[in-house]
Protein backbone atom coordinates (compact mmCIF):
# COMPACT_ATOMS: atom_id res chain seq x y z
CA UNK A 1 -156.17 65.79 121.04
CA UNK A 2 -155.77 62.70 123.06
CA UNK A 3 -156.55 61.80 126.59
CA UNK A 4 -154.00 59.93 128.67
CA UNK A 5 -155.36 58.32 131.81
CA UNK A 6 -152.96 57.16 134.37
CA UNK A 7 -152.88 55.77 137.95
CA UNK A 8 -150.53 53.73 140.17
CA UNK A 9 -152.67 50.71 139.91
CA UNK A 10 -155.28 49.65 137.02
CA UNK A 11 -156.83 46.56 137.63
CA UNK A 12 -160.25 45.20 136.38
CA UNK A 13 -162.49 44.60 139.50
CA UNK A 14 -160.88 47.20 141.57
CA UNK A 15 -162.93 50.43 142.10
CA UNK A 16 -160.11 52.88 140.89
CA UNK A 17 -159.09 50.80 138.05
CA UNK A 18 -162.70 50.22 136.93
CA UNK A 19 -163.13 53.91 136.99
CA UNK A 20 -160.09 54.56 134.76
CA UNK A 21 -161.31 52.19 132.23
CA UNK A 22 -164.72 53.68 132.25
CA UNK A 23 -163.41 57.07 131.78
CA UNK A 24 -161.53 55.74 128.89
CA UNK A 25 -164.91 54.35 127.36
CA UNK A 26 -166.65 57.66 127.85
CA UNK A 27 -163.88 59.34 126.11
CA UNK A 28 -163.99 57.31 122.99
CA UNK A 29 -167.91 57.69 123.12
CA UNK A 30 -167.38 61.44 123.08
CA UNK A 31 -164.92 60.95 119.88
CA UNK A 32 -161.59 61.43 122.10
CA UNK A 33 -158.68 58.87 121.51
CA UNK A 34 -157.87 57.58 125.00
CA UNK A 35 -154.84 55.49 126.29
CA UNK A 36 -154.34 54.19 129.84
CA UNK A 37 -151.02 53.85 131.92
CA UNK A 38 -150.18 52.31 135.25
CA UNK A 39 -147.27 51.16 137.35
CA UNK A 40 -149.12 47.87 138.17
CA UNK A 41 -151.85 46.52 135.91
CA UNK A 42 -153.60 43.45 134.70
CA UNK A 43 -151.48 41.83 132.02
CA UNK A 44 -153.04 40.66 128.76
CA UNK A 45 -156.65 41.26 129.85
CA UNK A 46 -156.98 45.29 129.54
CA UNK A 47 -155.16 47.59 127.28
CA UNK A 48 -152.77 49.38 129.75
CA UNK A 49 -149.39 50.69 129.02
CA UNK A 50 -146.47 50.83 131.46
CA UNK A 51 -146.43 54.35 133.33
CA UNK A 52 -143.15 55.44 132.09
CA UNK A 53 -144.26 55.32 128.44
CA UNK A 54 -146.52 58.13 129.20
CA UNK A 55 -143.66 60.69 129.21
CA UNK A 56 -142.77 59.82 125.43
CA UNK A 57 -146.15 59.77 124.38
CA UNK A 58 -147.78 63.15 125.37
CA UNK A 59 -148.16 65.96 122.88
CA UNK A 60 -148.69 69.74 123.65
CA UNK A 61 -152.57 69.64 122.76
CA UNK A 62 -153.21 66.47 125.02
CA UNK A 63 -154.80 66.06 128.20
CA UNK A 64 -153.16 63.93 131.16
CA UNK A 65 -155.63 62.71 133.73
CA UNK A 66 -154.22 61.37 136.96
CA UNK A 67 -156.34 59.14 139.03
CA UNK A 68 -154.87 59.87 142.80
CA UNK A 69 -155.47 58.04 145.62
CA UNK A 70 -152.09 57.19 147.19
CA UNK A 71 -148.48 58.44 147.08
CA UNK A 72 -147.45 58.75 143.39
CA UNK A 73 -143.55 58.88 142.77
CA UNK A 74 -144.24 60.15 139.31
CA UNK A 75 -146.50 63.17 140.41
CA UNK A 76 -143.66 65.90 139.87
CA UNK A 77 -142.48 64.46 136.64
CA UNK A 78 -146.23 64.29 135.53
CA UNK A 79 -146.81 68.06 136.33
CA UNK A 80 -143.73 69.07 134.40
CA UNK A 81 -145.33 67.89 131.27
CA UNK A 82 -146.17 70.62 128.46
CA UNK A 83 -149.94 69.78 128.26
CA UNK A 84 -153.20 70.38 130.16
CA UNK A 85 -153.51 68.32 133.23
CA UNK A 86 -156.58 67.03 135.13
CA UNK A 87 -156.42 65.08 138.53
CA UNK A 88 -159.25 63.00 139.58
CA UNK A 89 -158.94 62.90 143.48
CA UNK A 90 -160.56 59.75 145.20
CA UNK A 91 -159.26 60.85 148.71
CA UNK A 92 -156.55 59.53 150.86
CA UNK A 93 -157.42 57.13 153.65
CA UNK A 94 -156.37 58.49 157.09
CA UNK A 95 -153.11 56.74 158.00
CA UNK A 96 -154.16 56.14 161.71
CA UNK A 97 -156.96 53.88 160.69
CA UNK A 98 -154.17 51.65 158.99
CA UNK A 99 -151.20 52.02 161.13
CA UNK A 100 -151.79 49.03 163.48
CA UNK A 101 -152.37 46.35 160.82
CA UNK A 102 -151.22 48.05 157.63
CA UNK A 103 -148.23 50.09 158.55
CA UNK A 104 -146.72 50.09 155.08
CA UNK A 105 -149.94 51.41 153.44
CA UNK A 106 -150.38 53.97 156.27
CA UNK A 107 -146.69 55.31 155.34
CA UNK A 108 -147.77 55.63 151.72
CA UNK A 109 -150.95 57.42 152.76
CA UNK A 110 -148.93 59.91 154.99
CA UNK A 111 -146.49 60.51 151.90
CA UNK A 112 -149.88 61.10 149.78
CA UNK A 113 -150.96 63.65 152.37
CA UNK A 114 -147.63 65.54 152.09
CA UNK A 115 -148.08 65.53 148.34
CA UNK A 116 -151.68 67.06 148.16
CA UNK A 117 -150.23 70.95 147.66
CA UNK A 118 -148.85 69.75 144.47
CA UNK A 119 -152.35 69.13 143.34
CA UNK A 120 -152.55 72.63 142.80
CA UNK A 121 -150.45 72.36 139.68
CA UNK A 122 -153.44 70.67 137.69
CA UNK A 123 -155.46 72.78 135.39
CA UNK A 124 -158.60 71.06 136.98
CA UNK A 125 -159.17 68.89 140.03
CA UNK A 126 -162.15 66.71 140.09
CA UNK A 127 -163.15 65.03 143.35
CA UNK A 128 -165.31 61.82 143.81
CA UNK A 129 -167.59 63.53 146.57
CA UNK A 130 -168.05 66.76 148.42
CA UNK A 131 -166.47 65.09 151.48
CA UNK A 132 -163.29 64.34 149.55
CA UNK A 133 -163.26 67.97 148.00
CA UNK A 134 -163.38 69.39 151.60
CA UNK A 135 -160.59 67.50 152.55
CA UNK A 136 -158.35 69.40 150.31
CA UNK A 137 -159.15 72.64 152.25
CA UNK A 138 -156.02 74.24 153.32
CA UNK A 139 -153.89 72.60 150.69
CA UNK A 140 -155.63 74.05 147.29
CA UNK A 141 -158.84 75.80 146.70
CA UNK A 142 -161.58 73.42 147.60
CA UNK A 143 -164.14 75.75 146.31
CA UNK A 144 -162.92 75.37 142.88
CA UNK A 145 -162.80 71.47 142.82
CA UNK A 146 -165.50 69.99 140.72
CA UNK A 147 -167.30 66.89 142.00
CA UNK A 148 -168.26 64.00 139.81
CA UNK A 149 -169.06 60.29 141.04
CA UNK A 150 -166.65 57.76 140.19
CA UNK A 151 -169.30 55.81 138.45
CA UNK A 152 -170.76 55.27 134.87
CA UNK A 153 -174.21 53.93 133.62
CA UNK A 154 -172.18 51.54 131.37
CA UNK A 155 -170.44 49.75 134.39
CA UNK A 156 -171.59 46.02 134.55
CA UNK A 157 -173.28 46.40 137.81
CA UNK A 158 -175.51 49.36 136.54
CA UNK A 159 -176.40 47.67 133.31
CA UNK A 160 -177.74 44.49 135.26
CA UNK A 161 -181.44 44.70 135.98
CA UNK A 162 -182.79 43.74 139.46
CA UNK A 163 -184.04 40.19 139.39
CA UNK A 164 -187.98 40.74 139.94
CA UNK A 165 -188.17 37.32 141.61
CA UNK A 166 -184.94 36.50 142.94
CA UNK A 167 -184.30 33.41 144.95
CA UNK A 168 -185.52 33.98 148.73
CA UNK A 169 -182.94 33.15 151.32
CA UNK A 170 -184.45 31.22 154.43
CA UNK A 171 -183.08 34.12 156.92
CA UNK A 172 -182.36 37.73 156.39
CA UNK A 173 -178.99 38.32 155.07
CA UNK A 174 -176.67 41.28 155.41
CA UNK A 175 -174.08 42.02 152.87
CA UNK A 176 -170.68 43.84 152.91
CA UNK A 177 -168.79 44.38 149.59
CA UNK A 178 -165.33 45.70 149.33
CA UNK A 179 -161.73 45.02 150.22
CA UNK A 180 -161.57 43.46 153.77
CA UNK A 181 -159.09 45.77 155.33
CA UNK A 182 -158.88 47.48 158.85
CA UNK A 183 -160.79 50.80 158.01
CA UNK A 184 -163.67 48.97 156.55
CA UNK A 185 -164.60 47.90 160.35
CA UNK A 186 -165.76 44.49 159.20
CA UNK A 187 -165.53 43.44 163.06
CA UNK A 188 -168.45 45.92 163.63
CA UNK A 189 -170.74 44.20 161.09
CA UNK A 190 -169.93 40.79 162.96
CA UNK A 191 -170.89 42.32 166.26
CA UNK A 192 -174.29 43.63 165.10
CA UNK A 193 -174.81 40.00 163.93
CA UNK A 194 -174.09 38.64 167.37
CA UNK A 195 -176.54 41.67 168.89
CA UNK A 196 -179.29 40.63 166.28
CA UNK A 197 -178.85 36.99 167.55
CA UNK A 198 -179.25 38.24 171.17
CA UNK A 199 -182.79 40.01 169.92
CA UNK A 200 -183.75 36.71 168.76
CA UNK A 201 -183.45 37.90 165.31
CA UNK A 202 -181.72 35.20 163.13
CA UNK A 203 -179.54 36.73 160.29
CA UNK A 204 -176.39 35.88 158.16
CA UNK A 205 -173.57 38.07 156.95
CA UNK A 206 -171.92 37.81 153.58
CA UNK A 207 -168.57 39.62 153.21
CA UNK A 208 -167.53 39.80 149.38
CA UNK A 209 -164.10 41.24 148.73
CA UNK A 210 -160.32 40.58 148.56
CA UNK A 211 -158.68 40.12 151.98
CA UNK A 212 -155.10 41.04 151.48
CA UNK A 213 -154.27 41.30 155.27
CA UNK A 214 -154.02 37.85 156.95
CA UNK A 215 -153.67 39.35 160.38
CA UNK A 216 -156.94 41.34 159.87
CA UNK A 217 -158.91 38.30 158.50
CA UNK A 218 -157.72 36.20 161.54
CA UNK A 219 -158.81 38.67 163.80
CA UNK A 220 -162.27 38.72 162.06
CA UNK A 221 -162.46 34.83 162.35
CA UNK A 222 -161.52 34.67 165.96
CA UNK A 223 -164.07 37.61 166.71
CA UNK A 224 -166.92 35.78 164.96
CA UNK A 225 -166.04 32.63 166.90
CA UNK A 226 -165.75 34.39 170.20
CA UNK A 227 -169.48 35.95 169.54
CA UNK A 228 -170.86 32.44 168.54
CA UNK A 229 -171.60 33.75 165.00
CA UNK A 230 -168.81 32.14 162.87
CA UNK A 231 -171.21 29.78 161.15
CA UNK A 232 -173.26 32.49 160.08
CA UNK A 233 -170.44 34.47 158.56
CA UNK A 234 -169.51 33.69 154.98
CA UNK A 235 -166.37 35.22 153.58
CA UNK A 236 -166.85 35.03 149.77
CA UNK A 237 -163.68 36.45 148.67
CA UNK A 238 -163.44 38.11 145.13
CA UNK A 239 -166.47 37.01 143.04
CA UNK A 240 -167.17 37.43 139.24
CA UNK A 241 -170.03 39.55 138.26
CA UNK A 242 -172.51 36.92 137.96
CA UNK A 243 -171.88 35.86 141.67
CA UNK A 244 -171.80 39.27 142.97
CA UNK A 245 -175.07 40.15 141.12
CA UNK A 246 -176.53 36.93 142.77
CA UNK A 247 -175.38 38.42 146.41
CA UNK A 248 -177.27 41.69 145.64
CA UNK A 249 -180.26 39.89 144.40
CA UNK A 250 -180.67 37.74 147.38
CA UNK A 251 -179.43 39.97 150.17
CA UNK A 252 -181.85 41.78 152.59
CA UNK A 253 -179.73 44.73 152.88
CA UNK A 254 -175.98 46.17 152.52
CA UNK A 255 -173.97 47.26 155.46
CA UNK A 256 -171.52 50.18 155.04
CA UNK A 257 -169.24 50.43 158.23
CA UNK A 258 -166.34 51.92 156.95
CA UNK A 259 -164.57 54.74 158.88
CA UNK A 260 -163.15 56.14 155.66
CA UNK A 261 -164.95 56.33 152.06
CA UNK A 262 -164.00 58.58 149.43
CA UNK A 263 -167.30 57.49 147.76
CA UNK A 264 -168.51 53.92 148.49
CA UNK A 265 -169.66 52.38 145.07
CA UNK A 266 -171.28 49.09 146.85
CA UNK A 267 -173.65 51.77 148.64
CA UNK A 268 -175.09 52.75 145.10
CA UNK A 269 -174.78 49.25 143.66
CA UNK A 270 -177.18 47.97 146.47
CA UNK A 271 -179.67 50.73 145.74
CA UNK A 272 -179.46 49.96 142.13
CA UNK A 273 -180.45 46.47 143.08
CA UNK A 274 -183.55 48.15 145.02
CA UNK A 275 -181.88 47.07 148.41
CA UNK A 276 -182.01 49.21 151.61
CA UNK A 277 -178.56 50.25 152.82
CA UNK A 278 -177.29 50.85 156.39
CA UNK A 279 -174.31 53.44 156.29
CA UNK A 280 -172.06 54.75 159.03
CA UNK A 281 -172.11 58.69 158.86
CA UNK A 282 -168.93 60.76 158.77
CA UNK A 283 -167.73 59.60 155.19
CA UNK A 284 -168.73 60.46 151.54
CA UNK A 285 -171.20 57.16 151.57
CA UNK A 286 -173.68 59.19 153.33
CA UNK A 287 -173.80 61.73 150.37
CA UNK A 288 -175.35 59.16 148.11
CA UNK A 289 -178.26 57.58 150.09
CA UNK A 290 -181.34 58.95 151.69
CA UNK A 291 -180.86 60.47 154.97
CA UNK A 292 -182.92 57.73 156.97
CA UNK A 293 -180.14 55.14 155.79
CA UNK A 294 -177.36 57.08 157.63
CA UNK A 295 -176.18 56.30 161.29
CA UNK A 296 -174.36 58.66 163.63
CA UNK A 297 -170.58 57.68 163.26
CA UNK A 298 -170.46 57.27 167.01
CA UNK A 299 -173.77 55.51 167.47
CA UNK A 300 -173.68 52.40 169.74
CA UNK A 301 -173.79 49.09 167.48
CA UNK A 302 -176.90 48.18 169.51
CA UNK A 303 -178.75 51.06 167.86
CA UNK A 304 -177.85 49.51 164.50
CA UNK A 305 -179.14 46.18 165.55
CA UNK A 306 -182.45 47.57 166.74
CA UNK A 307 -182.87 49.55 163.45
CA UNK A 308 -181.85 46.55 161.24
CA UNK A 309 -184.22 44.21 163.12
CA UNK A 310 -187.22 46.71 162.75
CA UNK A 311 -186.49 47.33 159.24
CA UNK A 312 -186.11 43.85 158.11
CA UNK A 313 -188.50 42.32 160.30
CA UNK A 314 -191.28 44.61 158.67
CA UNK A 315 -190.18 43.90 155.37
CA UNK A 316 -192.55 41.97 153.15
CA UNK A 317 -189.63 39.94 151.49
CA UNK A 318 -185.96 39.39 152.37
CA UNK A 319 -185.27 40.00 148.84
CA UNK A 320 -187.80 42.56 147.74
CA UNK A 321 -186.54 45.19 145.14
CA UNK A 322 -187.63 48.69 146.50
CA UNK A 323 -188.14 51.08 143.36
CA UNK A 324 -187.43 54.04 145.50
CA UNK A 325 -183.79 52.93 146.03
CA UNK A 326 -183.48 52.20 142.21
CA UNK A 327 -184.68 55.63 141.41
CA UNK A 328 -182.23 57.29 143.96
CA UNK A 329 -179.29 55.22 142.47
CA UNK A 330 -180.35 56.41 138.94
CA UNK A 331 -180.19 60.08 140.19
CA UNK A 332 -176.68 59.59 141.22
CA UNK A 333 -175.51 58.01 138.00
CA UNK A 334 -176.97 61.10 136.11
CA UNK A 335 -174.08 63.21 137.85
CA UNK A 336 -171.48 61.29 136.08
CA UNK A 337 -173.00 61.37 132.50
CA UNK A 338 -170.88 61.48 129.22
CA UNK A 339 -172.46 65.29 129.14
CA UNK A 340 -170.74 66.11 132.40
CA UNK A 341 -167.49 64.64 131.42
CA UNK A 342 -167.75 66.33 128.05
CA UNK A 343 -168.00 69.84 129.81
CA UNK A 344 -165.19 68.82 131.90
CA UNK A 345 -162.71 67.96 129.30
CA UNK A 346 -163.72 70.97 127.24
CA UNK A 347 -163.04 73.18 130.36
CA UNK A 348 -159.58 71.64 130.58
CA UNK A 349 -158.63 72.57 127.12
CA UNK A 350 -159.57 76.31 127.63
């Protein structure tokens, strides 16, 4: 038996790509041969084959695992393969959140939503969160969907131990990690920074992640300038692991302002580093953090500013490690252990 893992895109550093690579590592630890396939992928840095090669490589006793988050032109062809098939569903972003500044991506998301009934053709469907599983209601039997977080304890971030005495910043720092795209609502974080300044609570905002949309990035820069906080906002772009770990070590807290999250790995990463998180409710991000970290999705941003100032103002250190957050992160990682995946892969073969 061989496990064939496929996705439209597999890039190291991207959440979906990192997950595909981690599933392959887990399969190999379980004694299962695993191969990766993608339409677009890192060339020469990781072992990924062109997607079209998959169809000549699959035997009847193999398993194909599709990582699905956006329209896939190969979906029907893949479902016709004479083997057992598993879909790992990351969720599809609401097109309305993208239409103004990312119309092409919005169209692909609309096409993906139209494809969802085809997921019933898989032998097993796994979702990255209960929120994502619920989004399948009305298209397939959501009650039959298994839920496994899209993380593994062997991922680089979770192998890194929080620094016990990290460099202390002069001022409290708020951190956002993830692609700088419209539905992440980075502008809300910038406004919170301005509201904190009005409360005479001086802080900085660090934004880590690729910014593929120039118009959106320009909007953010202009908004920060209008609010008088541009010099307190640091757009880091993509970082290597060492620099990302430094951001987690030195930050005071993570902000997750997104209007759509299938899971939100940075929330888990920040807690692994022992840092508080402030999370907008209404997405799957709220499933992986303590309830007192979650804000009503319609809460006024001044409520966020007041809570952040109160929490960080009372903190004993801007970069302190809170063991309770570390333990909470570890409990989430256990939900995606090799034993959990062994049971799923055995179940697909039955």
